[in-house]
């Protein structure tokens, strides 16, 4: 199911997207908690064991002006508690700061609430990633927690902001 917005459309991910996903995700990995290099094997495993089994939904972000720029997803889908974790990566530098991430977030939030019948969508973001926090707030996420020195990477501790959105609050 393709999701259409004003400036973008979200296209369900397929194996044909593997090279782009790997390139984009590796380009932005310094902004993620999980920083291991993405590989064809790892992505194929993700598709077969997570996406195809309904533990995640993932879309490629295709813009009207810049073409395909990244991906957005809901992972760790928990139907017992009706919640999931949101994630996004924009791997094309010339597409940053144009509102595509916020629009993608709004589309997948609506999909999560209307199609998946989720009650809550959460995310984790490094506190230093101010642009991402601002985009998430524009999409309707609110800060629910602040974890000091939560993640230890490359001999440094980093703070994590927990954010969430509840169906009906947006």
C-alpha atoms as a PDB file:
ATOM      1  CA  UNK A   1       0.000   0.000   0.000  1.00  0.00           C
ATOM      2  CA  UNK A   2       1.503   3.294  -1.138  1.00  0.00           C
ATOM      3  CA  UNK A   3       0.940   6.349   1.077  1.00  0.00           C
ATOM      4  CA  UNK A   4       0.632   9.722  -0.661  1.00  0.00           C
ATOM      5  CA  UNK A   5       1.274  13.144   0.783  1.00  0.00           C
ATOM      6  CA  UNK A   6       1.554  16.622  -0.692  1.00  0.00           C
ATOM      7  CA  UNK A   7       5.277  16.489  -1.504  1.00  0.00           C
ATOM      8  CA  UNK A   8       6.152  12.834  -1.018  1.00  0.00           C
ATOM      9  CA  UNK A   9       4.877   9.320  -1.330  1.00  0.00           C
ATOM     10  CA  UNK A  10       5.854   6.337   0.766  1.00  0.00           C
ATOM     11  CA  UNK A  11       6.439   3.169  -1.235  1.00  0.00           C
ATOM     12  CA  UNK A  12       6.571  -0.224   0.518  1.00  0.00           C
ATOM     13  CA  UNK A  13      10.154  -1.461   0.672  1.00  0.00           C
ATOM     14  CA  UNK A  14      11.270  -4.329  -1.543  1.00  0.00           C
ATOM     15  CA  UNK A  15      14.456  -6.274  -2.154  1.00  0.00           C
ATOM     16  CA  UNK A  16      15.094  -3.970  -5.129  1.00  0.00           C
ATOM     17  CA  UNK A  17      15.697  -1.125  -2.630  1.00  0.00           C
ATOM     18  CA  UNK A  18      18.574  -2.894  -0.866  1.00  0.00           C
ATOM     19  CA  UNK A  19      21.464  -0.931  -2.414  1.00  0.00           C
ATOM     20  CA  UNK A  20      19.812   2.435  -1.691  1.00  0.00           C
ATOM     21  CA  UNK A  21      18.839   1.468   1.873  1.00  0.00           C
ATOM     22  CA  UNK A  22      22.398   0.343   2.642  1.00  0.00           C
ATOM     23  CA  UNK A  23      23.927   3.503   1.136  1.00  0.00           C
ATOM     24  CA  UNK A  24      21.488   5.850   2.915  1.00  0.00           C
ATOM     25  CA  UNK A  25      21.661   4.117   6.296  1.00  0.00           C
ATOM     26  CA  UNK A  26      25.452   3.918   6.287  1.00  0.00           C
ATOM     27  CA  UNK A  27      25.633   7.609   5.331  1.00  0.00           C
ATOM     28  CA  UNK A  28      23.668   8.672   8.439  1.00  0.00           C
ATOM     29  CA  UNK A  29      24.772   6.009  10.922  1.00  0.00           C
ATOM     30  CA  UNK A  30      26.506   8.515  13.232  1.00  0.00           C
ATOM     31  CA  UNK A  31      23.022   9.792  14.200  1.00  0.00           C
ATOM     32  CA  UNK A  32      21.832   6.318  15.242  1.00  0.00           C
ATOM     33  CA  UNK A  33      22.252   4.258  18.379  1.00  0.00           C
ATOM     34  CA  UNK A  34      22.976   1.189  16.247  1.00  0.00           C
ATOM     35  CA  UNK A  35      26.064   2.174  14.254  1.00  0.00           C
ATOM     36  CA  UNK A  36      27.229  -1.050  12.667  1.00  0.00           C
ATOM     37  CA  UNK A  37      27.721  -0.908   8.906  1.00  0.00           C
ATOM     38  CA  UNK A  38      24.678  -2.111   7.016  1.00  0.00           C
ATOM     39  CA  UNK A  39      25.323  -4.961   4.597  1.00  0.00           C
ATOM     40  CA  UNK A  40      23.355  -6.813   1.946  1.00  0.00           C
ATOM     41  CA  UNK A  41      23.210  -9.849   4.249  1.00  0.00           C
ATOM     42  CA  UNK A  42      21.982  -7.843   7.223  1.00  0.00           C
ATOM     43  CA  UNK A  43      19.362  -5.993   5.213  1.00  0.00           C
ATOM     44  CA  UNK A  44      18.137  -9.197   3.554  1.00  0.00           C
ATOM     45  CA  UNK A  45      17.795 -10.774   6.991  1.00  0.00           C
ATOM     46  CA  UNK A  46      15.834  -7.691   8.194  1.00  0.00           C
ATOM     47  CA  UNK A  47      13.472  -7.968   5.209  1.00  0.00           C
ATOM     48  CA  UNK A  48      12.904 -11.717   5.565  1.00  0.00           C
ATOM     49  CA  UNK A  49      12.761 -12.060   9.347  1.00  0.00           C
ATOM     50  CA  UNK A  50      11.261  -8.731  10.420  1.00  0.00           C
ATOM     51  CA  UNK A  51       9.385  -6.953   7.611  1.00  0.00           C
ATOM     52  CA  UNK A  52       7.905  -9.997   5.863  1.00  0.00           C
ATOM     53  CA  UNK A  53       6.810 -11.450   9.225  1.00  0.00           C
ATOM     54  CA  UNK A  54       4.944  -8.254  10.203  1.00  0.00           C
ATOM     55  CA  UNK A  55       7.285  -7.193  13.000  1.00  0.00           C
ATOM     56  CA  UNK A  56       7.993  -3.977  11.072  1.00  0.00           C
ATOM     57  CA  UNK A  57       6.637  -1.954   8.178  1.00  0.00           C
ATOM     58  CA  UNK A  58       9.076   0.022   6.087  1.00  0.00           C
ATOM     59  CA  UNK A  59       8.680   2.448   3.211  1.00  0.00           C
ATOM     60  CA  UNK A  60      11.004   4.275   0.838  1.00  0.00           C
ATOM     61  CA  UNK A  61      10.470   8.050   0.792  1.00  0.00           C
ATOM     62  CA  UNK A  62      10.017   9.302  -2.774  1.00  0.00           C
ATOM     63  CA  UNK A  63       9.787  13.073  -3.212  1.00  0.00           C
ATOM     64  CA  UNK A  64       8.280  15.060  -6.050  1.00  0.00           C
ATOM     65  CA  UNK A  65      11.446  17.181  -6.476  1.00  0.00           C
ATOM     66  CA  UNK A  66      14.403  15.141  -5.185  1.00  0.00           C
ATOM     67  CA  UNK A  67      13.408  11.564  -6.056  1.00  0.00           C
ATOM     68  CA  UNK A  68      14.063   8.779  -3.570  1.00  0.00           C
ATOM     69  CA  UNK A  69      15.806  10.107  -0.466  1.00  0.00           C
ATOM     70  CA  UNK A  70      15.523   7.642   2.407  1.00  0.00           C
ATOM     71  CA  UNK A  71      13.249   5.417   4.419  1.00  0.00           C
ATOM     72  CA  UNK A  72      10.726   5.518   7.241  1.00  0.00           C
ATOM     73  CA  UNK A  73       9.539   2.604   9.345  1.00  0.00           C
ATOM     74  CA  UNK A  74       7.632   1.294  12.326  1.00  0.00           C
ATOM     75  CA  UNK A  75       9.488  -1.509  14.096  1.00  0.00           C
ATOM     76  CA  UNK A  76       8.963  -3.739  17.121  1.00  0.00           C
ATOM     77  CA  UNK A  77       5.248  -3.741  16.348  1.00  0.00           C
ATOM     78  CA  UNK A  78       3.539  -4.949  19.537  1.00  0.00           C
ATOM     79  CA  UNK A  79      -0.104  -5.727  18.810  1.00  0.00           C
ATOM     80  CA  UNK A  80      -0.738  -6.860  22.400  1.00  0.00           C
ATOM     81  CA  UNK A  81      -0.020  -3.334  23.629  1.00  0.00           C
ATOM     82  CA  UNK A  82      -0.847  -1.672  20.294  1.00  0.00           C
ATOM     83  CA  UNK A  83       2.417   0.232  19.985  1.00  0.00           C
ATOM     84  CA  UNK A  84       5.523   0.430  17.783  1.00  0.00           C
ATOM     85  CA  UNK A  85       8.806   2.314  17.516  1.00  0.00           C
ATOM     86  CA  UNK A  86       9.257   4.917  14.771  1.00  0.00           C
ATOM     87  CA  UNK A  87      12.403   5.389  12.740  1.00  0.00           C
ATOM     88  CA  UNK A  88      13.543   7.396   9.740  1.00  0.00           C
ATOM     89  CA  UNK A  89      16.676   8.139   7.789  1.00  0.00           C
ATOM     90  CA  UNK A  90      17.181  10.667   5.021  1.00  0.00           C
ATOM     91  CA  UNK A  91      20.294   9.670   3.132  1.00  0.00           C
ATOM     92  CA  UNK A  92      20.434  12.434   0.530  1.00  0.00           C
ATOM     93  CA  UNK A  93      21.994  15.616   1.917  1.00  0.00           C
ATOM     94  CA  UNK A  94      20.248  17.910  -0.589  1.00  0.00           C
ATOM     95  CA  UNK A  95      16.859  16.718   0.746  1.00  0.00           C
ATOM     96  CA  UNK A  96      17.531  17.731   4.363  1.00  0.00           C
ATOM     97  CA  UNK A  97      15.656  20.636   5.921  1.00  0.00           C
ATOM     98  CA  UNK A  98      12.882  20.610   3.328  1.00  0.00           C
ATOM     99  CA  UNK A  99      10.115  19.124   5.503  1.00  0.00           C
ATOM    100  CA  UNK A 100      10.206  15.681   3.911  1.00  0.00           C
ATOM    101  CA  UNK A 101      10.974  13.958   7.205  1.00  0.00           C
ATOM    102  CA  UNK A 102       8.076  15.654   8.973  1.00  0.00           C
ATOM    103  CA  UNK A 103       5.692  14.784   6.146  1.00  0.00           C
ATOM    104  CA  UNK A 104       6.902  11.169   6.122  1.00  0.00           C
ATOM    105  CA  UNK A 105       6.402  10.985   9.894  1.00  0.00           C
ATOM    106  CA  UNK A 106       2.849  12.296   9.637  1.00  0.00           C
ATOM    107  CA  UNK A 107       1.996   9.791   6.892  1.00  0.00           C
ATOM    108  CA  UNK A 108       3.354   6.766   8.739  1.00  0.00           C
ATOM    109  CA  UNK A 109       1.798   7.899  12.035  1.00  0.00           C
ATOM    110  CA  UNK A 110      -1.585   8.038  10.311  1.00  0.00           C
ATOM    111  CA  UNK A 111      -0.906   4.612   8.781  1.00  0.00           C
ATOM    112  CA  UNK A 112       0.049   3.219  12.198  1.00  0.00           C
ATOM    113  CA  UNK A 113      -3.098   4.513  13.855  1.00  0.00           C
ATOM    114  CA  UNK A 114      -5.611   3.937  11.051  1.00  0.00           C
ATOM    115  CA  UNK A 115      -4.340   0.779   9.333  1.00  0.00           C
ATOM    116  CA  UNK A 116      -2.427  -1.022  12.086  1.00  0.00           C
ATOM    117  CA  UNK A 117      -4.803   0.204  14.831  1.00  0.00           C
ATOM    118  CA  UNK A 118      -1.885   1.194  17.065  1.00  0.00           C
ATOM    119  CA  UNK A 119      -2.534   3.268  20.167  1.00  0.00           C
ATOM    120  CA  UNK A 120       0.982   4.661  20.619  1.00  0.00           C
ATOM    121  CA  UNK A 121       4.123   5.226  18.559  1.00  0.00           C
ATOM    122  CA  UNK A 122       7.413   5.930  20.336  1.00  0.00           C
ATOM    123  CA  UNK A 123      10.928   6.898  19.321  1.00  0.00           C
ATOM    124  CA  UNK A 124      14.387   7.381  20.781  1.00  0.00           C
ATOM    125  CA  UNK A 125      16.675  10.167  19.591  1.00  0.00           C
ATOM    126  CA  UNK A 126      20.061  11.495  20.624  1.00  0.00           C
ATOM    127  CA  UNK A 127      19.590  14.780  22.488  1.00  0.00           C
ATOM    128  CA  UNK A 128      22.291  16.385  20.319  1.00  0.00           C
ATOM    129  CA  UNK A 129      20.205  15.771  17.172  1.00  0.00           C
ATOM    130  CA  UNK A 130      18.221  19.017  17.466  1.00  0.00           C
ATOM    131  CA  UNK A 131      16.994  18.970  13.859  1.00  0.00           C
ATOM    132  CA  UNK A 132      15.445  15.536  14.304  1.00  0.00           C
ATOM    133  CA  UNK A 133      13.800  16.518  17.609  1.00  0.00           C
ATOM    134  CA  UNK A 134      12.279  19.601  15.946  1.00  0.00           C
ATOM    135  CA  UNK A 135      10.963  17.509  13.033  1.00  0.00           C
ATOM    136  CA  UNK A 136       9.455  14.935  15.409  1.00  0.00           C
ATOM    137  CA  UNK A 137       7.734  17.696  17.394  1.00  0.00           C
ATOM    138  CA  UNK A 138       6.277  19.135  14.167  1.00  0.00           C
ATOM    139  CA  UNK A 139       4.873  15.671  13.411  1.00  0.00           C
ATOM    140  CA  UNK A 140       3.162  15.567  16.822  1.00  0.00           C
ATOM    141  CA  UNK A 141       5.601  13.639  19.017  1.00  0.00           C
ATOM    142  CA  UNK A 142       6.105  14.937  22.561  1.00  0.00           C
ATOM    143  CA  UNK A 143       8.988  14.347  24.927  1.00  0.00           C
ATOM    144  CA  UNK A 144       8.156  11.702  27.511  1.00  0.00           C
ATOM    145  CA  UNK A 145      11.566  11.218  29.054  1.00  0.00           C
ATOM    146  CA  UNK A 146      15.186  12.324  29.115  1.00  0.00           C
ATOM    147  CA  UNK A 147      17.866   9.737  29.848  1.00  0.00           C
ATOM    148  CA  UNK A 148      21.246  11.170  30.914  1.00  0.00           C
ATOM    149  CA  UNK A 149      24.376   9.309  29.777  1.00  0.00           C
ATOM    150  CA  UNK A 150      22.213   6.487  28.421  1.00  0.00           C
ATOM    151  CA  UNK A 151      24.372   5.336  25.505  1.00  0.00           C
ATOM    152  CA  UNK A 152      28.151   4.756  25.508  1.00  0.00           C
ATOM    153  CA  UNK A 153      29.700   4.958  22.035  1.00  0.00           C
ATOM    154  CA  UNK A 154      33.321   5.560  21.076  1.00  0.00           C
ATOM    155  CA  UNK A 155      34.356   6.476  24.623  1.00  0.00           C
ATOM    156  CA  UNK A 156      31.557   9.018  25.094  1.00  0.00           C
ATOM    157  CA  UNK A 157      28.220   8.979  26.893  1.00  0.00           C
ATOM    158  CA  UNK A 158      25.170  10.393  25.145  1.00  0.00           C
ATOM    159  CA  UNK A 159      21.779  11.552  26.391  1.00  0.00           C
ATOM    160  CA  UNK A 160      18.654  10.065  24.828  1.00  0.00           C
ATOM    161  CA  UNK A 161      15.253  11.722  24.506  1.00  0.00           C
ATOM    162  CA  UNK A 162      12.209   9.443  24.567  1.00  0.00           C
ATOM    163  CA  UNK A 163       9.274  10.754  22.564  1.00  0.00           C
ATOM    164  CA  UNK A 164       5.800   9.418  21.851  1.00  0.00           C
ATOM    165  CA  UNK A 165       2.496  10.125  20.221  1.00  0.00           C
ATOM    166  CA  UNK A 166      -0.844   8.642  21.229  1.00  0.00           C
ATOM    167  CA  UNK A 167      -3.735   8.112  18.828  1.00  0.00           C
ATOM    168  CA  UNK A 168      -6.167  10.977  19.220  1.00  0.00           C
ATOM    169  CA  UNK A 169      -3.570  13.412  20.584  1.00  0.00           C
ATOM    170  CA  UNK A 170      -2.440  14.643  17.162  1.00  0.00           C
END
